[in-house]
Amino acid sequence: MNTLILQEEIQRFLDRNALESPTKIALKKSPFEGILSSELAAQLDGRQRASAKIPLWAETPGIYFPAKLNLEQCSSETTAVFKSSLIKKGTRLIDATSGFGVDSFYFSKQAAQVTSCELNPDLAAITKHNAAVLKADNLQIIAANGVDYILNDPIKQFDYIYLDPSRRVQNKKVFLLDECEPNLVQLQDDFFQRSNTIISKLAPLLDISSAIQQLRHVKDVYVVSSQNDCKELIFVQEKDYEGDAVVHAVRLYHGQQQVISFTYESERALVNEYSEPLSYLYEPDVALSKAGAFKTVGQLFNIKKLHKNTHLYTSDQKIENFPGKTFIVKQVESFSDFKKNKKSLQSGIIAKNFPLKTEEIKKKFKIKDVGNSFSFFTTTLNDQFSVIHTQRMLE
């Protein structure tokens, strides 16, 4: 951490060049003694990346930005705010793997005391500086191995242990829960000696059912999406809890959130109704798809499925506040008729439960994307390959 960057003159320079290309700045000679042009470029790049992901940091004077990888790996402001809502006010939490400290900061808005551990001393110094700038007085930053800090002192007790295990080990990406570092599967019993609740942020690609089998006392699983992109899986383990895990599909959008909750047992017990495409077509948000709420969403909104393995739904009357995308059905034709007609099509293409992928369809039939028209290539009742031409309804 080069503290010279925090000087008022350098901060003004970064303000004046807020929209400049970091690469362009890096190639120029630095106008400031003791500061490399690459360091100026890194701060500028950090500001620009933060403007969309963590705007509070981008908008606050005096914030110091870390390496690009740390910014890429940190939580977004939106998801961090959501996670902070999962803890009770006035409690004590330790973040064992804090990184750039976005989650720690928002937990400190709820908790009485947050201890934030970061193994990298330079990153810990940056996070400590930023916590002071952001006036997070109840946030303690420690440059230490968080697991060791928790386990080496038998007196330490916390209301919550929070961790975000690294999915990159020895410069290789890992996907299995017990391959991540720290290894929550191995550590969970030790953690329960220090806290009644473990909250972990896990990889979006992780198989939820498998993780529930590996982790003990899972009470809640939150599948969090933003802009129809699955951002995080949040597992909450509560000591001695023995019931079914409740899965929550959480859709964050336009400053709002939609939550649909269910258990896998209740999902299995439901029976879908099926129909040919009616007046409206619905594509569930990725949070519901990842969570596996395929029957639950049909029952909650009284809509019918197109096919057992096609996760698209339909109704005659428009469903308000559907957690996903809504389309007006304009025309339905069989795929064989579509091929015979050979008409030119200008439409967005969505392939669902179909033998051809989206890009293959576009290339094969020379289709160009246009406006809010979308054509679904999918499987409908009686295993019929169909093309459903629609118009997207904007929220």
Protein backbone atom coordinates (compact mmCIF):
# COMPACT_ATOMS: atom_id res chain seq x y z
CA MET A 1 0.00 0.00 0.00
CA ASN A 2 1.58 3.25 -1.17
CA THR A 3 0.16 5.88 1.18
CA LEU A 4 1.47 8.69 -1.04
CA ILE A 5 -1.54 7.99 -3.26
CA LEU A 6 -3.77 9.35 -0.50
CA GLN A 7 -2.28 12.84 -0.80
CA GLU A 8 -4.80 15.47 -1.85
CA GLU A 9 -2.93 16.33 -5.06
CA ILE A 10 -2.96 12.72 -6.27
CA GLN A 11 -6.62 12.28 -5.34
CA ARG A 12 -7.49 15.38 -7.39
CA PHE A 13 -5.53 13.92 -10.32
CA LEU A 14 -7.57 10.71 -10.10
CA ASP A 15 -10.79 12.76 -9.94
CA ARG A 16 -9.85 14.70 -13.08
CA ASN A 17 -9.05 11.48 -14.94
CA ALA A 18 -12.03 9.52 -13.67
CA LEU A 19 -13.11 8.51 -17.19
CA GLU A 20 -9.63 8.05 -18.64
CA SER A 21 -8.37 4.65 -19.75
CA PRO A 22 -6.19 3.07 -17.01
CA THR A 23 -4.02 1.58 -19.76
CA LYS A 24 -3.36 5.05 -21.15
CA ILE A 25 -2.36 6.31 -17.70
CA ALA A 26 -0.08 3.31 -17.18
CA LEU A 27 1.81 4.04 -20.42
CA LYS A 28 2.50 7.66 -19.47
CA LYS A 29 5.22 8.83 -17.15
CA SER A 30 3.94 9.41 -13.63
CA PRO A 31 3.73 13.15 -12.79
CA PHE A 32 4.33 12.39 -9.09
CA GLU A 33 7.53 11.47 -7.31
CA GLY A 34 7.35 8.18 -5.41
CA ILE A 35 4.32 6.93 -7.31
CA LEU A 36 4.53 4.68 -10.36
CA SER A 37 2.25 5.23 -13.31
CA SER A 38 1.10 1.60 -12.86
CA GLU A 39 -0.05 2.47 -9.32
CA LEU A 40 -2.05 5.43 -10.59
CA ALA A 41 -3.59 3.21 -13.27
CA ALA A 42 -4.47 0.57 -10.68
CA GLN A 43 -6.29 3.12 -8.51
CA LEU A 44 -8.15 4.48 -11.52
CA ASP A 45 -9.09 0.97 -12.62
CA GLY A 46 -10.29 0.21 -9.10
CA ARG A 47 -12.52 3.28 -9.02
CA GLN A 48 -14.06 2.40 -12.36
CA ARG A 49 -14.72 -1.22 -11.40
CA ALA A 50 -16.15 -0.18 -8.05
CA SER A 51 -18.58 2.33 -9.58
CA ALA A 52 -20.96 -0.46 -10.60
CA LYS A 53 -20.12 -3.18 -8.07
CA ILE A 54 -19.53 -1.26 -4.83
CA PRO A 55 -20.57 2.36 -5.52
CA LEU A 56 -20.14 3.51 -1.92
CA TRP A 57 -16.39 2.86 -2.22
CA ALA A 58 -16.20 4.58 -5.62
CA GLU A 59 -18.05 7.64 -4.33
CA THR A 60 -16.18 8.05 -1.04
CA PRO A 61 -13.08 10.29 -1.11
CA GLY A 62 -9.90 8.74 0.24
CA ILE A 63 -10.70 5.11 -0.52
CA TYR A 64 -7.68 3.00 -1.47
CA PHE A 65 -8.27 0.23 -4.02
CA PRO A 66 -6.51 -3.15 -4.00
CA ALA A 67 -5.34 -5.35 -6.88
CA LYS A 68 -7.83 -6.13 -9.62
CA LEU A 69 -8.25 -9.76 -8.50
CA ASN A 70 -9.36 -8.67 -5.03
CA LEU A 71 -12.03 -6.44 -6.54
CA GLU A 72 -13.20 -9.22 -8.85
CA GLN A 73 -13.53 -11.64 -5.93
CA CYS A 74 -15.26 -9.34 -3.44
CA SER A 75 -19.02 -9.29 -2.92
CA SER A 76 -21.12 -6.67 -4.60
CA GLU A 77 -22.70 -3.99 -2.45
CA THR A 78 -26.16 -5.39 -3.23
CA THR A 79 -25.39 -8.96 -2.14
CA ALA A 80 -23.41 -7.79 0.91
CA VAL A 81 -26.39 -5.74 2.11
CA PHE A 82 -28.60 -8.80 1.70
CA LYS A 83 -26.22 -11.01 3.69
CA SER A 84 -26.12 -8.47 6.52
CA SER A 85 -29.89 -8.89 6.88
CA LEU A 86 -29.32 -12.52 7.90
CA ILE A 87 -27.75 -11.62 11.25
CA LYS A 88 -29.34 -10.14 14.35
CA LYS A 89 -28.56 -6.65 15.57
CA GLY A 90 -26.14 -6.22 18.43
CA THR A 91 -24.30 -9.50 17.86
CA ARG A 92 -20.62 -10.46 17.47
CA LEU A 93 -19.39 -11.81 14.13
CA ILE A 94 -16.02 -12.89 12.81
CA ASP A 95 -15.25 -12.84 9.08
CA ALA A 96 -12.53 -15.47 8.71
CA THR A 97 -11.71 -14.67 5.05
CA SER A 98 -12.45 -11.00 4.63
CA GLY A 99 -10.56 -10.11 1.43
CA PHE A 100 -11.41 -6.52 0.50
CA GLY A 101 -13.85 -6.39 3.40
CA VAL A 102 -17.14 -5.50 1.69
CA ASP A 103 -19.08 -8.18 3.56
CA SER A 104 -17.37 -7.27 6.85
CA PHE A 105 -18.34 -3.63 6.41
CA TYR A 106 -22.03 -4.35 5.88
CA PHE A 107 -22.11 -6.91 8.68
CA SER A 108 -20.78 -4.09 10.91
CA LYS A 109 -23.93 -2.11 10.12
CA GLN A 110 -25.93 -4.79 11.96
CA ALA A 111 -23.51 -6.30 14.48
CA ALA A 112 -22.18 -4.71 17.64
CA GLN A 113 -18.66 -5.93 16.81
CA VAL A 114 -17.12 -7.45 13.67
CA THR A 115 -13.66 -8.98 13.64
CA SER A 116 -12.28 -9.22 10.12
CA CYS A 117 -9.30 -11.48 9.35
CA GLU A 118 -7.22 -11.22 6.20
CA LEU A 119 -4.08 -13.29 5.65
CA ASN A 120 -2.51 -10.86 3.16
CA PRO A 121 -1.02 -8.04 5.31
CA ASP A 122 -1.08 -5.48 2.50
CA LEU A 123 -4.73 -6.16 1.74
CA ALA A 124 -5.51 -6.07 5.47
CA ALA A 125 -3.83 -2.62 5.69
CA ILE A 126 -5.95 -1.39 2.77
CA THR A 127 -9.14 -2.73 4.35
CA LYS A 128 -8.26 -1.16 7.71
CA HIS A 129 -7.65 2.22 6.07
CA ASN A 130 -10.95 2.05 4.18
CA ALA A 131 -12.88 1.02 7.30
CA ALA A 132 -11.61 4.18 9.00
CA VAL A 133 -12.57 6.31 5.98
CA LEU A 134 -16.05 4.75 5.97
CA LYS A 135 -16.30 5.33 9.76
CA ALA A 136 -16.89 1.66 10.57
CA ASP A 137 -15.72 2.08 14.16
CA ASN A 138 -16.94 -1.36 15.29
CA LEU A 139 -14.97 -3.17 12.56
CA GLN A 140 -11.65 -4.61 13.74
CA ILE A 141 -9.22 -5.61 10.97
CA ILE A 142 -6.59 -8.22 11.81
CA ALA A 143 -3.82 -9.40 9.49
CA ALA A 144 -4.00 -13.08 10.37
CA ASN A 145 -5.18 -16.50 9.28
CA GLY A 146 -8.84 -16.37 10.27
CA VAL A 147 -9.15 -20.09 11.00
CA ASP A 148 -6.14 -20.02 13.31
CA TYR A 149 -7.42 -16.89 15.01
CA ILE A 150 -10.76 -18.59 15.72
CA LEU A 151 -9.46 -21.97 16.84
CA ASN A 152 -6.22 -21.20 18.70
CA ASP A 153 -7.87 -19.36 21.57
CA PRO A 154 -10.49 -21.50 23.39
CA ILE A 155 -11.91 -18.41 25.09
CA LYS A 156 -13.03 -16.76 21.83
CA GLN A 157 -16.76 -17.06 21.21
CA PHE A 158 -18.84 -15.43 18.45
CA ASP A 159 -22.52 -15.29 17.57
CA TYR A 160 -21.61 -15.89 13.93
CA ILE A 161 -18.63 -17.26 12.03
CA TYR A 162 -18.68 -16.10 8.42
CA LEU A 163 -16.37 -17.33 5.69
CA ASP A 164 -16.01 -17.23 1.94
CA PRO A 165 -13.80 -20.23 1.05
CA SER A 166 -11.44 -19.62 -1.85
CA ARG A 167 -12.29 -21.46 -5.06
CA ARG A 168 -8.75 -20.91 -6.32
CA VAL A 169 -6.18 -23.19 -4.69
CA GLN A 170 -2.53 -23.16 -5.83
CA ASN A 171 -3.59 -21.05 -8.83
CA LYS A 172 -6.13 -23.65 -9.95
CA LYS A 173 -9.90 -23.32 -9.85
CA VAL A 174 -11.69 -25.91 -7.71
CA PHE A 175 -15.39 -26.69 -7.64
CA LEU A 176 -15.94 -29.28 -4.90
CA LEU A 177 -16.73 -27.97 -1.44
CA ASP A 178 -14.05 -30.01 0.32
CA GLU A 179 -11.40 -28.78 -2.14
CA CYS A 180 -11.87 -25.11 -1.21
CA GLU A 181 -9.72 -23.29 1.35
CA PRO A 182 -10.46 -23.18 4.18
CA ASN A 183 -12.11 -26.63 4.10
CA LEU A 184 -15.46 -26.00 5.77
CA VAL A 185 -16.36 -29.70 5.69
CA GLN A 186 -13.38 -30.51 7.93
CA LEU A 187 -13.65 -27.41 10.10
CA GLN A 188 -17.39 -27.24 10.80
CA ASP A 189 -17.31 -29.24 14.05
CA ASP A 190 -14.45 -27.12 15.40
CA PHE A 191 -16.31 -23.96 14.40
CA PHE A 192 -19.39 -25.10 16.31
CA GLN A 193 -17.22 -25.08 19.45
CA ARG A 194 -16.80 -21.31 18.96
CA SER A 195 -20.19 -20.29 17.56
CA ASN A 196 -23.77 -21.51 17.26
CA THR A 197 -24.09 -20.26 13.68
CA ILE A 198 -21.86 -20.63 10.63
CA ILE A 199 -22.64 -18.58 7.52
CA SER A 200 -20.73 -19.44 4.38
CA LYS A 201 -20.68 -17.93 0.91
CA LEU A 202 -20.18 -20.77 -1.54
CA ALA A 203 -19.63 -21.07 -5.30
CA PRO A 204 -22.74 -20.56 -7.48
CA LEU A 205 -21.82 -23.71 -9.46
CA LEU A 206 -21.92 -25.87 -6.34
CA ASP A 207 -24.50 -28.67 -6.22
CA ILE A 208 -26.84 -27.62 -3.41
CA SER A 209 -28.10 -31.09 -2.49
CA SER A 210 -24.56 -32.44 -2.29
CA ALA A 211 -23.47 -29.55 -0.05
CA ILE A 212 -26.43 -30.13 2.28
CA GLN A 213 -25.25 -33.73 2.65
CA GLN A 214 -21.67 -32.66 3.42
CA LEU A 215 -22.50 -29.91 5.89
CA ARG A 216 -24.10 -30.50 9.27
CA HIS A 217 -27.15 -28.70 10.68
CA VAL A 218 -27.94 -26.72 7.50
CA LYS A 219 -30.99 -24.63 8.35
CA ASP A 220 -31.20 -22.25 5.38
CA VAL A 221 -29.78 -22.01 1.87
CA TYR A 222 -30.07 -18.71 0.00
CA VAL A 223 -29.64 -18.73 -3.78
CA VAL A 224 -29.01 -15.07 -4.59
CA SER A 225 -29.30 -13.59 -8.08
CA SER A 226 -28.89 -10.09 -9.45
CA GLN A 227 -29.71 -9.09 -13.04
CA ASN A 228 -30.69 -12.75 -13.70
CA ASP A 229 -27.16 -13.87 -12.81
CA CYS A 230 -26.64 -16.31 -9.94
CA LYS A 231 -24.18 -14.48 -7.71
CA GLU A 232 -23.93 -16.45 -4.49
CA LEU A 233 -25.04 -19.49 -2.53
CA ILE A 234 -25.32 -18.67 1.18
CA PHE A 235 -25.48 -21.60 3.61
CA VAL A 236 -26.56 -21.03 7.21
CA GLN A 237 -25.69 -23.81 9.67
CA GLU A 238 -27.20 -23.65 13.13
CA LYS A 239 -25.79 -25.83 15.89
CA ASP A 240 -28.07 -28.77 16.77
CA TYR A 241 -30.60 -27.96 13.99
CA GLU A 242 -31.92 -31.26 12.61
CA GLY A 243 -34.87 -30.29 10.36
CA ASP A 244 -35.01 -30.01 6.58
CA ALA A 245 -33.01 -27.20 5.06
CA VAL A 246 -35.22 -24.39 3.77
CA VAL A 247 -34.09 -23.20 0.35
CA HIS A 248 -34.73 -19.53 -0.48
CA ALA A 249 -34.55 -18.34 -4.08
CA VAL A 250 -33.68 -14.64 -3.72
CA ARG A 251 -34.05 -12.32 -6.69
CA LEU A 252 -32.49 -8.87 -6.23
CA TYR A 253 -33.64 -6.37 -8.84
CA HIS A 254 -34.34 -2.64 -9.16
CA GLY A 255 -33.65 -2.11 -5.45
CA GLN A 256 -36.23 -4.75 -4.51
CA GLN A 257 -36.08 -8.41 -3.62
CA GLN A 258 -38.35 -11.36 -4.26
CA VAL A 259 -37.96 -14.46 -2.11
CA ILE A 260 -39.53 -17.85 -2.73
CA SER A 261 -38.92 -20.42 0.01
CA PHE A 262 -39.45 -24.18 -0.01
CA THR A 263 -37.91 -27.49 1.04
CA TYR A 264 -36.84 -30.21 -1.34
CA GLU A 265 -39.34 -32.53 0.33
CA SER A 266 -42.22 -30.13 -0.37
CA GLU A 267 -40.98 -29.64 -3.95
CA ARG A 268 -40.95 -33.40 -4.61
CA ALA A 269 -44.50 -33.76 -3.25
CA LEU A 270 -46.00 -31.30 -5.74
CA VAL A 271 -47.49 -32.24 -9.11
CA ASN A 272 -47.17 -29.92 -12.10
CA GLU A 273 -49.99 -29.11 -14.50
CA TYR A 274 -49.06 -28.99 -18.19
CA SER A 275 -50.38 -27.07 -21.17
CA GLU A 276 -49.65 -26.03 -24.71
CA PRO A 277 -48.43 -22.39 -24.88
CA LEU A 278 -51.24 -20.02 -23.91
CA SER A 279 -51.35 -16.20 -24.05
CA TYR A 280 -48.32 -15.58 -21.82
CA LEU A 281 -44.99 -17.35 -21.42
CA TYR A 282 -42.78 -17.15 -18.32
CA GLU A 283 -39.07 -17.80 -17.92
CA PRO A 284 -38.12 -18.07 -14.21
CA ASP A 285 -35.22 -16.09 -12.82
CA VAL A 286 -31.96 -18.00 -12.52
CA ALA A 287 -32.31 -18.02 -8.70
CA LEU A 288 -35.40 -20.24 -8.97
CA SER A 289 -33.78 -22.48 -11.58
CA LYS A 290 -30.60 -22.94 -9.55
CA ALA A 291 -32.61 -23.53 -6.38
CA GLY A 292 -34.72 -26.17 -8.17
CA ALA A 293 -38.12 -24.61 -7.44
CA PHE A 294 -39.64 -25.95 -10.66
CA LYS A 295 -42.90 -27.29 -9.20
CA THR A 296 -43.09 -24.70 -6.42
CA VAL A 297 -43.16 -21.75 -8.82
CA GLY A 298 -45.93 -23.39 -10.86
CA GLN A 299 -48.08 -23.88 -7.79
CA LEU A 300 -47.43 -20.46 -6.24
CA PHE A 301 -48.42 -18.57 -9.38
CA ASN A 302 -51.01 -21.05 -10.68
CA ILE A 303 -49.27 -21.42 -14.02
CA LYS A 304 -48.77 -24.48 -16.19
CA LYS A 305 -45.54 -26.04 -17.43
CA LEU A 306 -44.87 -26.72 -21.12
CA HIS A 307 -43.18 -30.08 -20.54
CA LYS A 308 -41.74 -32.09 -17.66
CA ASN A 309 -38.17 -31.13 -18.59
CA THR A 310 -38.90 -27.69 -20.05
CA HIS A 311 -38.71 -25.07 -17.32
CA LEU A 312 -41.01 -22.60 -19.06
CA TYR A 313 -44.52 -21.78 -17.89
CA THR A 314 -47.70 -20.42 -19.44
CA SER A 315 -51.07 -18.89 -18.56
CA ASP A 316 -54.08 -17.26 -20.19
CA GLN A 317 -54.09 -14.31 -17.78
CA LYS A 318 -51.00 -12.21 -17.11
CA ILE A 319 -49.36 -12.97 -13.77
CA GLU A 320 -48.23 -9.84 -11.95
CA ASN A 321 -44.83 -9.75 -10.24
CA PHE A 322 -43.66 -13.05 -11.69
CA PRO A 323 -40.06 -13.67 -10.51
CA GLY A 324 -38.50 -13.72 -13.93
CA LYS A 325 -39.27 -12.66 -17.49
CA THR A 326 -42.75 -12.41 -18.98
CA PHE A 327 -43.50 -12.72 -22.70
CA ILE A 328 -46.64 -12.28 -24.83
CA VAL A 329 -47.11 -15.29 -27.10
CA LYS A 330 -47.52 -14.15 -30.72
CA GLN A 331 -47.32 -17.43 -32.64
CA VAL A 332 -46.58 -21.10 -32.03
CA GLU A 333 -45.40 -23.48 -34.73
CA SER A 334 -43.80 -26.88 -34.87
CA PHE A 335 -40.08 -26.96 -35.52
CA SER A 336 -40.70 -29.00 -38.66
CA ASP A 337 -43.04 -26.28 -40.00
CA PHE A 338 -40.48 -23.63 -39.10
CA LYS A 339 -37.86 -25.46 -41.18
CA LYS A 340 -40.25 -25.89 -44.13
CA ASN A 341 -41.25 -22.22 -44.21
CA LYS A 342 -37.63 -21.04 -44.34
CA LYS A 343 -38.79 -17.52 -43.59
CA SER A 344 -36.28 -14.96 -42.51
CA LEU A 345 -36.45 -14.35 -38.76
CA GLN A 346 -35.23 -11.35 -36.79
CA SER A 347 -35.55 -12.23 -33.14
CA GLY A 348 -33.63 -13.05 -30.02
CA ILE A 349 -33.23 -16.82 -29.73
CA ILE A 350 -33.65 -18.84 -26.53
CA ALA A 351 -33.14 -22.61 -26.62
CA LYS A 352 -34.65 -24.56 -23.70
CA ASN A 353 -34.74 -28.37 -23.60
CA PHE A 354 -33.99 -28.50 -27.30
CA PRO A 355 -31.47 -30.56 -29.31
CA LEU A 356 -29.79 -27.48 -30.80
CA LYS A 357 -28.05 -24.80 -28.76
CA THR A 358 -28.86 -21.11 -29.15
CA GLU A 359 -25.77 -20.27 -31.22
CA GLU A 360 -26.30 -23.32 -33.43
CA ILE A 361 -29.86 -22.19 -34.20
CA LYS A 362 -28.74 -18.65 -35.03
CA LYS A 363 -26.03 -19.89 -37.38
CA LYS A 364 -28.10 -22.63 -39.05
CA PHE A 365 -31.08 -20.37 -39.81
CA LYS A 366 -29.18 -17.05 -40.21
CA ILE A 367 -31.21 -15.34 -37.48
CA LYS A 368 -30.44 -11.79 -36.33
CA ASP A 369 -31.28 -10.47 -32.86
CA VAL A 370 -33.70 -7.55 -32.84
CA GLY A 371 -35.54 -5.53 -30.18
CA ASN A 372 -37.78 -7.26 -27.66
CA SER A 373 -38.88 -10.10 -29.95
CA PHE A 374 -37.80 -13.54 -28.76
CA SER A 375 -38.32 -16.99 -30.24
CA PHE A 376 -38.15 -19.99 -27.93
CA PHE A 377 -36.95 -23.23 -29.46
CA THR A 378 -38.16 -25.82 -26.99
CA THR A 379 -39.96 -29.08 -26.27
CA THR A 380 -43.68 -28.87 -25.52
CA LEU A 381 -46.40 -31.45 -24.78
CA ASN A 382 -46.05 -34.93 -26.29
CA ASP A 383 -42.32 -34.28 -26.79
CA GLN A 384 -43.09 -31.92 -29.67
CA PHE A 385 -40.21 -29.69 -30.83
CA SER A 386 -41.79 -26.24 -31.08
CA VAL A 387 -40.93 -22.63 -31.86
CA ILE A 388 -42.78 -20.05 -29.76
CA HIS A 389 -42.56 -16.48 -31.08
CA THR A 390 -43.02 -13.88 -28.35
CA GLN A 391 -42.72 -10.24 -27.36
CA ARG A 392 -40.91 -9.46 -24.11
CA MET A 393 -42.88 -7.45 -21.55
CA LEU A 394 -40.58 -5.03 -19.76
CA GLU A 395 -40.89 -4.57 -16.02
